[in-house]
Amino acid sequence: MATGSNAVRHARARYGRTAARLRHPLRSIESEAEHLHEVEREGESAETPLVVLLGLILFLIPIFLFLLVLAFAVYYLAR
């Protein structure tokens, strides 16, 4: 029985380390996004206009691409 419990303990430790490694990049992205929101809210930094424009562009690009794909699909189907 000791071999089985050792295997379970070993697997649990491996899973925990792997899960922690996978969560690390997501946490760094989230912390950077929070930092940019703080800079934008304060409005005192020189980067504030850049942050606002970048956020606006990143918001509008997917909408533009969706409309472009939709227009090409309609054109293709209308031929």
Protein backbone atom coordinates (compact mmCIF):
# COMPACT_ATOMS: atom_id res chain seq x y z
CA MET A 1 0.00 0.00 0.00
CA ALA A 2 2.92 2.34 0.61
CA THR A 3 3.86 2.22 -3.08
CA GLY A 4 0.38 3.35 -4.11
CA SER A 5 0.30 6.24 -1.66
CA ASN A 6 3.80 7.31 -2.74
CA ALA A 7 2.65 7.30 -6.37
CA VAL A 8 -0.39 9.40 -5.51
CA ARG A 9 1.74 11.85 -3.53
CA HIS A 10 4.25 12.08 -6.39
CA ALA A 11 1.51 12.64 -8.99
CA ARG A 12 -0.13 15.31 -6.83
CA ALA A 13 3.18 17.16 -6.48
CA ARG A 14 3.85 16.96 -10.23
CA TYR A 15 0.37 18.22 -11.04
CA GLY A 16 0.71 21.10 -8.58
CA ARG A 17 4.02 22.24 -10.07
CA THR A 18 2.71 21.97 -13.64
CA ALA A 19 -0.47 23.89 -12.82
CA ALA A 20 1.55 26.62 -11.10
CA ARG A 21 3.79 26.99 -14.17
CA LEU A 22 0.77 27.30 -16.45
CA ARG A 23 -0.90 29.93 -14.25
CA HIS A 24 2.22 32.12 -13.98
CA PRO A 25 2.02 33.75 -17.48
CA LEU A 26 -1.68 34.45 -16.99
CA ARG A 27 -1.03 36.17 -13.68
CA SER A 28 1.69 38.34 -15.19
CA ILE A 29 -0.63 39.37 -18.04
CA GLU A 30 -3.41 40.15 -15.57
CA SER A 31 -1.10 42.21 -13.38
CA GLU A 32 0.14 44.18 -16.40
CA ALA A 33 -3.43 44.87 -17.49
CA GLU A 34 -4.32 46.05 -13.98
CA HIS A 35 -1.27 48.32 -13.99
CA LEU A 36 -2.32 49.86 -17.32
CA HIS A 37 -5.85 50.44 -16.00
CA GLU A 38 -4.38 52.21 -12.96
CA VAL A 39 -2.23 54.42 -15.20
CA GLU A 40 -5.27 55.22 -17.32
CA ARG A 41 -7.44 56.03 -14.31
CA GLU A 42 -4.87 58.35 -12.76
CA GLY A 43 -4.38 60.27 -15.99
CA GLU A 44 -1.23 61.91 -14.67
CA SER A 45 1.23 59.79 -16.61
CA ALA A 46 2.60 60.67 -20.03
CA GLU A 47 1.61 57.20 -21.22
CA THR A 48 -2.12 57.75 -20.58
CA PRO A 49 -3.01 58.80 -24.16
CA LEU A 50 -1.02 55.87 -25.53
CA VAL A 51 -2.79 53.42 -23.21
CA VAL A 52 -6.20 54.78 -24.18
CA LEU A 53 -5.44 54.68 -27.92
CA LEU A 54 -3.98 51.20 -27.69
CA GLY A 55 -7.04 49.96 -25.81
CA LEU A 56 -9.33 51.53 -28.38
CA ILE A 57 -7.39 50.02 -31.29
CA LEU A 58 -7.31 46.58 -29.69
CA PHE A 59 -11.06 46.83 -29.15
CA LEU A 60 -11.84 47.93 -32.72
CA ILE A 61 -9.55 45.55 -34.65
CA PRO A 62 -11.65 42.40 -34.03
CA ILE A 63 -14.82 44.28 -35.00
CA PHE A 64 -13.19 45.51 -38.21
CA LEU A 65 -11.88 42.03 -39.06
CA PHE A 66 -15.31 40.49 -38.46
CA LEU A 67 -16.98 43.03 -40.75
CA LEU A 68 -14.30 42.50 -43.40
CA VAL A 69 -14.79 38.72 -43.33
CA LEU A 70 -18.55 39.22 -43.48
CA ALA A 71 -18.22 41.55 -46.49
CA PHE A 72 -15.99 39.08 -48.35
CA ALA A 73 -18.40 36.25 -47.57
CA VAL A 74 -21.34 38.22 -48.96
CA TYR A 75 -19.31 39.12 -52.05
CA TYR A 76 -18.30 35.49 -52.56
CA LEU A 77 -21.85 34.21 -52.15
CA ALA A 78 -23.32 36.91 -54.43
CA ARG A 79 -21.12 35.97 -57.41
